[in-house]
N, C-alpha and C. Protein backbone atom coordinates (compact mmCIF):
# COMPACT_ATOMS: atom_id res chain seq x y z
N MET A 1 1.28 -1.07 -0.36
CA MET A 1 -0.28 -0.16 0.20
C MET A 1 0.82 1.21 0.15
N GLY A 2 2.22 1.40 0.53
CA GLY A 2 3.12 2.30 0.45
C GLY A 2 3.61 2.71 -0.80
N ALA A 3 4.06 1.59 -1.65
CA ALA A 3 4.22 1.80 -2.64
C ALA A 3 3.61 2.35 -4.05
N SER A 4 2.28 2.23 -3.43
CA SER A 4 1.60 3.42 -4.62
C SER A 4 1.26 4.60 -4.46
N ASP A 5 1.73 5.12 -3.09
CA ASP A 5 1.74 6.50 -2.96
C ASP A 5 2.99 6.73 -2.63
N PRO A 6 3.85 7.33 -4.14
CA PRO A 6 5.16 7.62 -3.49
C PRO A 6 5.34 8.93 -3.15
N GLY A 7 4.25 9.56 -2.45
CA GLY A 7 4.49 11.16 -1.75
C GLY A 7 4.73 10.49 -0.15
N LYS A 8 4.05 9.31 0.06
CA LYS A 8 4.10 8.90 1.66
C LYS A 8 5.60 8.38 1.76
N ASN A 9 6.45 7.73 0.80
CA ASN A 9 7.75 7.20 0.84
C ASN A 9 8.64 8.78 0.94
N GLN A 10 8.40 9.77 0.51
CA GLN A 10 9.60 11.20 0.86
C GLN A 10 10.00 11.37 2.04
N LEU A 11 8.75 11.23 3.11
CA LEU A 11 9.32 11.83 4.38
C LEU A 11 10.69 11.04 5.09
N PRO A 12 10.56 9.64 5.19
CA PRO A 12 11.58 8.69 5.68
C PRO A 12 12.66 8.81 5.02
N LEU A 13 12.60 9.10 3.68
CA LEU A 13 13.92 9.18 2.90
C LEU A 13 14.18 10.60 3.18
N SER A 14 13.54 11.75 3.36
CA SER A 14 14.19 13.18 3.38
C SER A 14 14.64 13.19 5.11
N THR A 15 14.11 12.47 5.77
CA THR A 15 14.77 12.73 7.29
C THR A 15 15.26 11.65 7.88
N VAL A 16 16.25 12.22 8.85
CA VAL A 16 17.61 11.52 9.39
C VAL A 16 17.18 11.70 10.78
N GLN A 17 17.60 10.50 11.28
CA GLN A 17 17.50 10.69 12.95
C GLN A 17 19.31 10.85 13.30
N TYR A 18 19.10 11.56 14.19
CA TYR A 18 20.57 12.06 14.85
C TYR A 18 20.49 11.22 16.43
N LEU A 19 21.44 11.09 16.95
CA LEU A 19 21.88 11.23 18.28
C LEU A 19 22.19 12.37 18.79
N THR A 20 21.87 12.89 19.93
CA THR A 20 22.78 14.53 20.54
C THR A 20 22.95 13.86 21.71
N PHE A 21 24.08 14.59 22.07
CA PHE A 21 24.90 14.27 23.13
C PHE A 21 25.53 15.68 23.40
N MET A 22 25.72 15.58 25.03
CA MET A 22 26.68 17.19 25.57
C MET A 22 28.07 17.03 25.78
N THR A 23 28.96 17.72 25.27
CA THR A 23 30.09 17.52 25.64
C THR A 23 30.48 18.93 25.65
N ALA A 24 31.34 19.26 26.88
CA ALA A 24 31.79 20.71 27.08
C ALA A 24 30.94 21.81 26.87
N GLY A 25 29.49 21.49 27.61
CA GLY A 25 28.82 22.41 27.55
C GLY A 25 28.00 22.62 26.52
N GLU A 26 28.28 22.08 25.34
CA GLU A 26 27.53 22.01 24.03
C GLU A 26 26.95 20.66 23.35
N GLU A 27 25.90 20.74 22.60
CA GLU A 27 25.41 19.76 22.51
C GLU A 27 25.98 19.44 20.91
N TYR A 28 25.99 18.45 20.76
CA TYR A 28 26.49 17.80 19.58
C TYR A 28 25.34 16.57 18.52
N ALA A 29 25.56 16.33 17.79
CA ALA A 29 24.92 15.25 16.79
C ALA A 29 25.65 14.09 15.99
N ILE A 30 25.39 13.45 16.04
CA ILE A 30 25.72 12.12 15.39
C ILE A 30 24.89 11.35 14.41
N GLY A 31 25.23 11.09 12.99
CA GLY A 31 23.92 10.52 12.31
C GLY A 31 23.86 9.11 13.05
N ILE A 32 22.51 8.81 13.26
CA ILE A 32 22.31 7.44 14.18
C ILE A 32 22.72 6.06 13.48
N ALA A 33 22.76 6.66 11.89
CA ALA A 33 23.61 5.20 11.28
C ALA A 33 24.84 5.12 11.45
N LYS A 34 25.53 6.22 12.11
CA LYS A 34 27.19 5.60 12.72
C LYS A 34 27.17 5.65 13.85
N VAL A 35 26.27 4.81 14.66
CA VAL A 35 26.13 4.96 15.87
C VAL A 35 25.53 3.40 16.33
N SER A 36 26.83 2.62 16.76
CA SER A 36 26.14 1.11 17.14
C SER A 36 25.64 0.69 18.44
N GLU A 37 26.13 1.71 19.33
CA GLU A 37 25.31 1.27 20.93
C GLU A 37 26.47 2.57 21.62
N ILE A 38 25.65 2.38 22.88
CA ILE A 38 25.88 3.63 24.04
C ILE A 38 26.02 2.86 25.05
N VAL A 39 27.38 2.90 25.73
CA VAL A 39 27.66 2.10 26.90
C VAL A 39 28.03 3.07 28.40
N GLU A 40 27.86 2.57 29.18
CA GLU A 40 28.40 3.33 30.14
C GLU A 40 29.91 3.16 30.78
N TYR A 41 30.39 4.34 31.07
CA TYR A 41 31.53 4.91 31.24
C TYR A 41 32.38 3.64 32.21
N GLU A 42 32.96 2.78 31.43
CA GLU A 42 34.05 2.26 33.18
C GLU A 42 35.36 2.32 32.82
N THR A 43 36.08 1.38 32.75
CA THR A 43 37.46 1.48 32.93
C THR A 43 37.89 1.96 31.21
N VAL A 44 38.74 2.77 31.21
CA VAL A 44 39.94 3.23 30.05
C VAL A 44 40.92 3.42 30.53
N THR A 45 41.60 2.50 29.37
CA THR A 45 43.19 2.45 29.91
C THR A 45 43.75 3.50 28.93
N THR A 46 44.81 4.35 29.87
CA THR A 46 45.67 4.95 28.61
C THR A 46 46.66 4.18 28.09
N VAL A 47 46.91 4.62 26.94
CA VAL A 47 47.73 4.03 26.20
C VAL A 47 49.01 5.53 25.88
N PRO A 48 50.10 5.13 25.76
CA PRO A 48 51.04 6.13 25.66
C PRO A 48 51.28 6.33 24.49
N ASN A 49 51.91 7.28 23.79
CA ASN A 49 52.25 7.54 22.54
C ASN A 49 51.21 8.04 21.46
N THR A 50 49.89 7.88 22.13
CA THR A 50 48.58 8.49 21.41
C THR A 50 48.60 9.90 21.21
N PRO A 51 47.38 10.56 20.16
CA PRO A 51 47.06 11.92 20.45
C PRO A 51 46.55 12.21 21.68
N ILE A 52 46.83 13.34 22.20
CA ILE A 52 46.31 13.94 23.49
C ILE A 52 45.03 13.81 23.61
N TRP A 53 44.05 13.53 22.48
CA TRP A 53 42.36 13.48 22.44
C TRP A 53 42.26 12.17 22.65
N ILE A 54 43.11 11.43 22.49
CA ILE A 54 42.47 10.01 22.81
C ILE A 54 42.74 9.74 24.41
N HIS A 55 41.31 9.82 24.81
CA HIS A 55 41.11 9.36 26.39
C HIS A 55 41.80 8.03 26.91
N GLY A 56 41.86 7.05 25.84
CA GLY A 56 42.50 5.63 26.52
C GLY A 56 41.48 4.45 25.41
N VAL A 57 41.82 3.63 25.92
CA VAL A 57 41.03 2.77 25.26
C VAL A 57 40.14 1.63 26.07
N THR A 58 38.97 1.25 25.69
CA THR A 58 38.35 0.53 26.69
C THR A 58 37.85 -1.19 25.81
N ASN A 59 37.35 -1.84 26.82
CA ASN A 59 37.21 -3.22 26.24
C ASN A 59 35.92 -3.68 26.25
N LEU A 60 35.72 -3.86 24.47
CA LEU A 60 34.13 -4.10 24.25
C LEU A 60 34.07 -5.33 23.84
N ARG A 61 33.43 -6.29 24.72
CA ARG A 61 33.38 -7.57 24.48
C ARG A 61 34.35 -8.26 24.10
N GLY A 62 35.48 -7.79 24.55
CA GLY A 62 36.87 -8.57 24.23
C GLY A 62 37.73 -7.88 22.96
N ARG A 63 37.04 -6.75 22.33
CA ARG A 63 37.56 -5.84 21.21
C ARG A 63 38.27 -4.61 21.80
N VAL A 64 39.50 -4.11 21.40
CA VAL A 64 39.99 -3.00 22.27
C VAL A 64 39.33 -1.73 21.19
N VAL A 65 38.96 -0.99 21.81
CA VAL A 65 38.32 0.14 21.15
C VAL A 65 38.75 1.93 21.77
N PRO A 66 39.35 2.28 20.83
CA PRO A 66 39.89 3.66 21.29
C PRO A 66 38.90 4.53 21.85
N VAL A 67 38.85 5.24 22.73
CA VAL A 67 37.88 6.60 23.13
C VAL A 67 38.58 7.88 23.12
N VAL A 68 37.76 8.49 21.91
CA VAL A 68 38.01 9.96 22.00
C VAL A 68 37.57 11.00 22.71
N ASP A 69 38.13 11.95 23.39
CA ASP A 69 37.77 13.00 23.96
C ASP A 69 37.21 14.01 23.12
N LEU A 70 36.25 14.66 22.75
CA LEU A 70 35.81 15.33 21.46
C LEU A 70 36.39 16.87 21.86
N ALA A 71 36.21 16.98 23.64
CA ALA A 71 36.57 18.29 24.40
C ALA A 71 37.82 18.60 24.08
N VAL A 72 38.82 17.65 24.07
CA VAL A 72 40.45 17.84 23.75
C VAL A 72 40.62 18.13 22.29
N LYS A 73 39.87 17.00 21.50
CA LYS A 73 39.91 17.20 20.21
C LYS A 73 39.51 18.66 19.23
N PHE A 74 38.93 19.57 20.58
CA PHE A 74 38.36 20.55 19.79
C PHE A 74 38.86 21.86 20.68
N GLY A 75 40.15 21.48 21.34
CA GLY A 75 40.69 22.28 21.91
C GLY A 75 40.29 23.19 23.40
N LEU A 76 39.35 22.30 23.90
CA LEU A 76 38.60 22.77 25.53
C LEU A 76 39.14 21.73 26.32
N PRO A 77 38.96 22.03 27.53
CA PRO A 77 39.44 21.49 28.66
C PRO A 77 39.28 19.95 28.55
N ALA A 78 39.88 18.79 29.07
CA ALA A 78 39.03 17.72 29.01
C ALA A 78 37.46 17.60 30.06
N SER A 79 37.24 16.59 28.93
CA SER A 79 35.91 16.14 29.75
C SER A 79 36.28 15.60 31.44
N ARG A 80 35.08 16.04 32.18
CA ARG A 80 35.37 15.86 33.66
C ARG A 80 34.44 14.34 33.63
N ILE A 81 34.60 13.28 34.32
CA ILE A 81 34.00 11.99 34.22
C ILE A 81 33.03 12.57 35.27
N SER A 82 31.67 11.66 35.17
CA SER A 82 30.53 11.94 35.87
C SER A 82 29.64 11.02 36.36
N LYS A 83 28.71 10.49 36.67
CA LYS A 83 27.66 9.44 36.73
C LYS A 83 27.07 9.38 35.62
N PHE A 84 26.67 10.43 34.58
CA PHE A 84 26.30 10.54 33.34
C PHE A 84 26.99 10.44 32.23
N SER A 85 28.59 9.93 32.29
CA SER A 85 29.46 9.76 31.33
C SER A 85 29.21 8.74 30.76
N CYS A 86 29.14 8.34 29.11
CA CYS A 86 28.97 7.57 28.94
C CYS A 86 30.03 7.35 27.39
N ILE A 87 30.16 6.28 26.90
CA ILE A 87 31.05 5.90 25.45
C ILE A 87 30.01 5.86 24.48
N ILE A 88 29.66 6.68 23.45
CA ILE A 88 29.29 6.50 21.93
C ILE A 88 30.13 5.85 21.12
N ILE A 89 29.67 4.22 20.83
CA ILE A 89 30.66 3.57 19.87
C ILE A 89 29.86 3.86 18.55
N THR A 90 30.72 4.28 17.96
CA THR A 90 30.79 4.78 16.26
C THR A 90 31.23 3.35 15.31
N GLU A 91 30.74 3.90 14.30
CA GLU A 91 31.43 3.06 13.13
C GLU A 91 31.97 4.26 12.26
N VAL A 92 33.19 4.41 11.99
CA VAL A 92 34.08 5.25 11.20
C VAL A 92 34.87 4.62 10.00
N MET A 93 34.63 5.33 8.70
CA MET A 93 35.11 4.75 8.04
C MET A 93 36.71 4.97 7.76
N PHE A 94 37.30 4.10 7.44
CA PHE A 94 38.92 4.57 7.09
C PHE A 94 39.44 3.74 6.08
N GLN A 95 40.19 4.41 5.28
CA GLN A 95 40.88 3.42 3.92
C GLN A 95 40.02 2.70 3.54
N GLY A 96 38.68 3.18 3.31
CA GLY A 96 37.29 1.83 2.93
C GLY A 96 36.93 0.41 3.99
N GLU A 97 37.66 0.53 4.83
CA GLU A 97 37.12 -0.07 5.98
C GLU A 97 36.34 0.22 7.09
N SER A 98 35.32 -0.22 7.66
CA SER A 98 34.80 0.73 8.82
C SER A 98 35.64 0.21 10.10
N LEU A 99 35.56 1.27 11.50
CA LEU A 99 36.36 1.07 11.80
C LEU A 99 35.72 1.45 13.49
N THR A 100 35.58 0.71 14.42
CA THR A 100 34.99 1.16 15.81
C THR A 100 35.89 2.03 16.29
N MET A 101 34.97 2.94 16.79
CA MET A 101 35.96 3.94 17.69
C MET A 101 34.87 4.56 18.84
N GLY A 102 35.15 4.92 20.21
CA GLY A 102 34.35 5.55 21.05
C GLY A 102 34.24 6.63 21.08
N VAL A 103 33.37 7.66 21.43
CA VAL A 103 33.28 9.18 21.56
C VAL A 103 32.85 8.92 23.08
N LEU A 104 33.54 9.88 23.63
CA LEU A 104 33.51 10.11 25.39
C LEU A 104 32.51 11.41 25.44
N ALA A 105 31.15 10.86 25.79
CA ALA A 105 30.28 11.93 26.16
C ALA A 105 29.59 12.83 27.55
N ASP A 106 29.67 13.36 28.10
CA ASP A 106 29.26 14.30 29.05
C ASP A 106 27.93 13.66 29.61
N SER A 107 26.88 13.44 28.68
CA SER A 107 25.95 12.66 28.56
C SER A 107 24.92 12.80 27.19
N VAL A 108 23.82 11.87 27.16
CA VAL A 108 23.41 11.90 25.97
C VAL A 108 21.92 12.11 26.23
N SER A 109 21.40 12.93 25.22
CA SER A 109 20.51 13.91 25.15
C SER A 109 19.30 13.41 24.64
N GLN A 110 19.38 12.99 23.60
CA GLN A 110 17.72 12.15 22.76
C GLN A 110 18.11 11.94 21.26
N VAL A 111 17.15 11.17 20.85
CA VAL A 111 17.48 10.84 19.25
C VAL A 111 16.45 12.39 18.84
N LEU A 112 16.97 12.54 17.67
CA LEU A 112 16.57 13.69 17.28
C LEU A 112 16.00 13.63 15.39
N ASP A 113 14.81 13.53 15.03
CA ASP A 113 14.33 13.22 13.53
C ASP A 113 14.49 14.56 12.94
N LEU A 114 15.31 14.88 12.20
CA LEU A 114 15.64 16.45 11.25
C LEU A 114 15.60 15.88 9.57
N SER A 115 14.67 17.10 9.06
CA SER A 115 14.75 16.64 7.61
C SER A 115 15.78 17.96 7.43
N ALA A 116 16.04 17.73 5.46
CA ALA A 116 17.22 18.54 5.14
C ALA A 116 16.57 19.92 5.48
N ASP A 117 15.42 20.58 5.07
CA ASP A 117 15.20 22.00 5.37
C ASP A 117 15.43 22.19 7.02
N GLU A 118 15.50 21.51 7.77
CA GLU A 118 15.60 22.04 9.26
C GLU A 118 17.10 21.96 9.49
N ILE A 119 18.06 21.63 8.80
CA ILE A 119 19.34 21.60 8.86
C ILE A 119 19.85 22.49 8.19
N GLU A 120 20.71 23.84 9.09
CA GLU A 120 20.88 25.54 8.88
C GLU A 120 22.52 25.13 8.32
N GLN A 121 22.97 25.77 7.29
CA GLN A 121 24.61 25.63 7.00
C GLN A 121 25.22 25.97 8.36
N THR A 122 26.09 25.72 8.35
CA THR A 122 27.48 26.36 9.52
C THR A 122 28.04 27.84 9.14
N PRO A 123 27.88 28.69 10.06
CA PRO A 123 28.33 30.03 10.04
C PRO A 123 30.06 29.51 10.08
N PRO A 124 30.52 30.51 8.88
CA PRO A 124 32.00 30.44 9.47
C PRO A 124 32.57 31.02 10.42
N PHE A 125 31.86 31.41 11.49
CA PHE A 125 32.17 31.98 12.60
C PHE A 125 31.41 31.49 13.92
N GLY A 126 32.07 31.30 15.30
CA GLY A 126 31.31 31.51 16.55
C GLY A 126 30.82 30.22 16.40
N THR A 127 31.58 29.16 16.43
CA THR A 127 31.67 27.90 16.78
C THR A 127 33.02 27.09 17.34
N ARG A 128 33.30 25.96 18.20
CA ARG A 128 34.41 25.65 18.53
C ARG A 128 35.04 25.09 17.54
N VAL A 129 34.10 24.26 16.83
CA VAL A 129 34.54 23.05 15.95
C VAL A 129 35.01 23.73 14.56
N LYS A 130 36.36 23.08 14.14
CA LYS A 130 36.28 23.70 12.30
C LYS A 130 34.92 23.33 11.56
N THR A 131 35.16 24.11 10.61
CA THR A 131 33.77 24.09 10.21
C THR A 131 33.50 22.39 8.99
N GLU A 132 34.81 22.10 8.76
CA GLU A 132 35.02 20.54 8.02
C GLU A 132 34.44 19.69 8.94
N TYR A 133 34.55 19.76 10.02
CA TYR A 133 34.26 18.83 10.95
C TYR A 133 32.92 18.71 10.91
N LEU A 134 31.89 19.52 10.49
CA LEU A 134 30.36 20.05 10.56
C LEU A 134 29.38 19.76 9.25
N LEU A 135 28.76 18.70 9.37
CA LEU A 135 27.40 18.67 8.43
C LEU A 135 26.53 19.49 8.47
N GLY A 136 26.40 20.27 9.09
CA GLY A 136 25.18 21.65 9.86
C GLY A 136 24.80 21.74 10.84
N MET A 137 23.86 22.84 11.66
CA MET A 137 23.53 22.99 12.65
C MET A 137 21.80 22.33 12.71
N GLY A 138 21.24 21.39 13.73
CA GLY A 138 19.88 21.68 13.46
C GLY A 138 19.52 22.21 15.19
N ALA A 139 17.93 22.45 14.69
CA ALA A 139 17.57 23.32 15.36
C ALA A 139 17.05 22.37 16.49
N LEU A 140 17.03 23.15 17.39
CA LEU A 140 16.78 22.40 18.78
C LEU A 140 15.97 23.49 19.96
N GLY A 141 14.77 23.66 19.09
CA GLY A 141 14.08 24.70 19.79
C GLY A 141 14.54 26.19 19.39
N LYS A 142 15.32 27.22 20.57
CA LYS A 142 15.48 28.31 20.10
C LYS A 142 17.40 28.17 19.78
N LYS A 143 17.66 27.31 20.43
CA LYS A 143 19.17 26.85 19.96
C LYS A 143 19.81 25.81 19.25
N PHE A 144 20.86 25.35 18.71
CA PHE A 144 20.96 24.79 17.87
C PHE A 144 21.86 23.57 18.19
N CYS A 145 22.09 22.41 17.81
CA CYS A 145 22.99 21.44 17.82
C CYS A 145 23.67 21.32 17.03
N LEU A 146 25.35 20.97 17.19
CA LEU A 146 26.23 21.17 15.80
C LEU A 146 26.49 19.76 15.42
N ILE A 147 26.09 19.35 14.14
CA ILE A 147 26.21 18.08 13.63
C ILE A 147 27.53 17.66 12.93
N LEU A 148 27.79 16.49 13.42
CA LEU A 148 29.28 16.58 12.93
C LEU A 148 29.52 15.14 12.21
N ASP A 149 30.64 15.46 11.10
CA ASP A 149 30.96 14.59 10.01
C ASP A 149 32.03 13.66 10.80
N ILE A 150 31.16 12.41 11.41
CA ILE A 150 31.92 12.24 12.57
C ILE A 150 33.50 11.42 11.79
N ASP A 151 33.23 10.94 10.29
CA ASP A 151 34.19 10.44 9.54
C ASP A 151 35.49 11.48 9.28
N LYS A 152 35.12 12.80 9.02
CA LYS A 152 35.85 13.80 8.92
C LYS A 152 36.87 14.17 10.53
N VAL A 153 35.90 14.20 11.90
CA VAL A 153 36.36 14.47 12.79
C VAL A 153 37.69 13.73 13.34
N LEU A 154 37.28 12.45 12.95
CA LEU A 154 38.49 11.20 12.73
C LEU A 154 38.86 11.39 11.51
N SER A 155 39.98 12.13 11.57
CA SER A 155 40.74 12.04 10.33
C SER A 155 41.29 10.75 9.86
N ALA A 156 41.90 10.47 8.63
CA ALA A 156 42.63 9.35 7.98
C ALA A 156 43.96 9.36 9.22
N ASP A 157 44.66 10.65 8.81
CA ASP A 157 46.12 10.46 9.75
C ASP A 157 46.01 10.19 11.43
N GLU A 158 44.87 10.60 11.87
CA GLU A 158 44.94 10.71 13.06
C GLU A 158 44.14 9.17 13.38
N LEU A 159 43.42 8.46 12.47
CA LEU A 159 43.09 7.32 12.95
C LEU A 159 43.92 6.22 12.55
N LEU A 160 45.21 6.45 11.99
CA LEU A 160 46.53 5.57 11.50
C LEU A 160 47.06 5.39 12.85
N ALA A 161 47.48 6.96 13.57
CA ALA A 161 48.06 6.72 14.66
C ALA A 161 47.33 6.07 16.13
N VAL A 162 45.97 5.76 16.02
CA VAL A 162 45.36 5.40 16.90
C VAL A 162 45.43 4.06 16.57
N THR A 163 45.07 3.62 15.52
CA THR A 163 45.39 2.23 14.89
C THR A 163 46.61 1.21 15.29
N GLN A 164 47.53 2.36 14.94
CA GLN A 164 48.70 1.79 15.28
C GLN A 164 49.08 1.31 16.76
N SER A 165 48.57 2.41 17.28
CA SER A 165 48.76 2.21 18.85
C SER A 165 47.94 1.32 19.75
N THR A 166 46.26 0.90 18.93
CA THR A 166 46.07 0.21 19.43
C THR A 166 46.14 -1.23 19.17
N ALA A 167 47.11 -1.58 17.98
CA ALA A 167 47.26 -2.56 17.61
C ALA A 167 48.66 -2.66 18.14
N GLU A 168 49.47 -1.89 18.87
CA GLU A 168 50.51 -2.11 19.57
C GLU A 168 50.20 -2.87 20.79
N GLU A 169 49.18 -2.05 21.80
CA GLU A 169 48.62 -2.44 23.00
C GLU A 169 47.94 -3.76 23.05
N GLY A 170 47.05 -3.93 21.88
CA GLY A 170 46.19 -5.05 21.71
C GLY A 170 47.07 -6.70 21.68
N SER A 171 48.12 -6.06 20.87
CA SER A 171 49.52 -7.53 20.68
C SER A 171 50.29 -7.43 22.26
N SER A 172 50.49 -6.36 22.84
CA SER A 172 51.32 -6.65 24.31
C SER A 172 50.28 -7.58 24.95
N GLU A 173 48.78 -7.24 25.05
CA GLU A 173 47.99 -7.67 25.87
C GLU A 173 47.85 -9.15 25.73
N ASN A 174 47.72 -9.52 23.91
CA ASN A 174 47.85 -10.46 23.94
C ASN A 174 48.85 -11.66 23.90
N THR A 175 49.92 -10.75 23.95
CA THR A 175 51.01 -11.76 23.99
C THR A 175 51.42 -12.27 25.26
N ALA A 176 51.12 -11.45 26.37
CA ALA A 176 51.39 -11.44 27.66
C ALA A 176 50.29 -13.12 28.31
N ALA A 177 49.05 -12.73 27.66
CA ALA A 177 47.81 -13.43 28.11
C ALA A 177 47.77 -14.81 27.61
N HIS A 178 48.12 -14.92 25.99
CA HIS A 178 48.08 -16.02 25.33
C HIS A 178 48.85 -16.48 24.68
N VAL A 179 50.07 -16.17 24.32
CA VAL A 179 51.27 -16.93 23.78
C VAL A 179 52.20 -16.62 24.28
N PRO A 180 52.61 -17.97 24.02
CA PRO A 180 53.87 -18.47 24.75
C PRO A 180 54.79 -17.53 24.05
N ALA A 181 56.43 -17.40 24.83
CA ALA A 181 57.39 -16.48 24.76
C ALA A 181 57.59 -17.05 22.91
N GLU A 182 58.35 -18.19 22.98
CA GLU A 182 58.58 -18.12 21.68
C GLU A 182 57.87 -17.84 20.57
N ASP A 183 56.67 -17.69 20.96
CA ASP A 183 55.54 -17.48 19.23
C ASP A 183 55.50 -15.55 19.73
N ALA A 184 55.51 -15.20 20.34
CA ALA A 184 55.30 -13.51 20.69
C ALA A 184 55.58 -12.80 19.38
N PRO A 185 57.02 -12.49 18.83
CA PRO A 185 57.09 -11.95 17.77
C PRO A 185 56.11 -12.11 16.56
N ALA A 186 55.75 -13.33 16.39
CA ALA A 186 55.19 -13.59 15.03
C ALA A 186 53.64 -13.07 15.07
N LYS A 187 53.18 -13.30 16.43
CA LYS A 187 51.49 -12.80 16.92
C LYS A 187 51.77 -11.34 16.88
N GLN A 188 52.79 -10.72 17.08
CA GLN A 188 52.45 -9.52 17.34
C GLN A 188 52.64 -9.00 16.18
N LEU A 189 53.95 -9.44 14.86
CA LEU A 189 53.48 -9.08 13.54
C LEU A 189 52.34 -8.80 13.09
N HIS A 190 51.34 -9.99 12.88
CA HIS A 190 50.29 -10.44 12.29
C HIS A 190 49.19 -9.73 13.12
N LEU A 191 49.34 -8.93 14.09
CA LEU A 191 48.25 -7.93 14.90
C LEU A 191 48.68 -6.47 13.91
N GLU A 192 50.15 -6.38 14.03
CA GLU A 192 50.38 -5.15 13.23
C GLU A 192 50.28 -4.87 12.23
N ALA A 193 50.07 -6.09 11.29
CA ALA A 193 49.37 -5.85 9.76
C ALA A 193 48.35 -6.19 9.71
N GLY A 194 47.21 -6.56 10.84
CA GLY A 194 45.91 -6.61 10.51
C GLY A 194 45.31 -5.19 10.50
N ALA A 195 46.29 -4.46 11.01
CA ALA A 195 45.75 -3.19 11.61
C ALA A 195 45.52 -2.15 10.76
């Protein structure tokens, strides 16, 4: 019955859902298609030699997932952890492959439906975020949320640094826990090649 009326099919195609969240006093949004889940903030392990905006890595059901502090990434003071803090698990594209990353959020606000005409262009002034990181601004009553292009926020060079660091972290954990000493170099090479 929906196929016979093309006008009814237009609304879902032109409306996109976004997850809104708070970081450093600002409300941001990520397209819901990029979000795989939201997890409670628990243990995050600091990894040496990573960019300062990498808060650390977390264990997501046995997988090493880097956690990004967007506040630091945008040149603001580091996020403070509270009982509302959570990690938004996102899927970003890197060299044609999907990579799982966590985004540290002060709190999650809501899921918002926005049509193309409800998204304003980003002004070239007045935001703390580089305009190339933004898809636009979504209206939230009298204020706006900044809609992030998460693939650009986590750019290729920076992702490469993260994947190399987490591969080394993962290989050292796997080497210590699961691989006999004589097999350690071969296991480490396999993990670095797979990153």
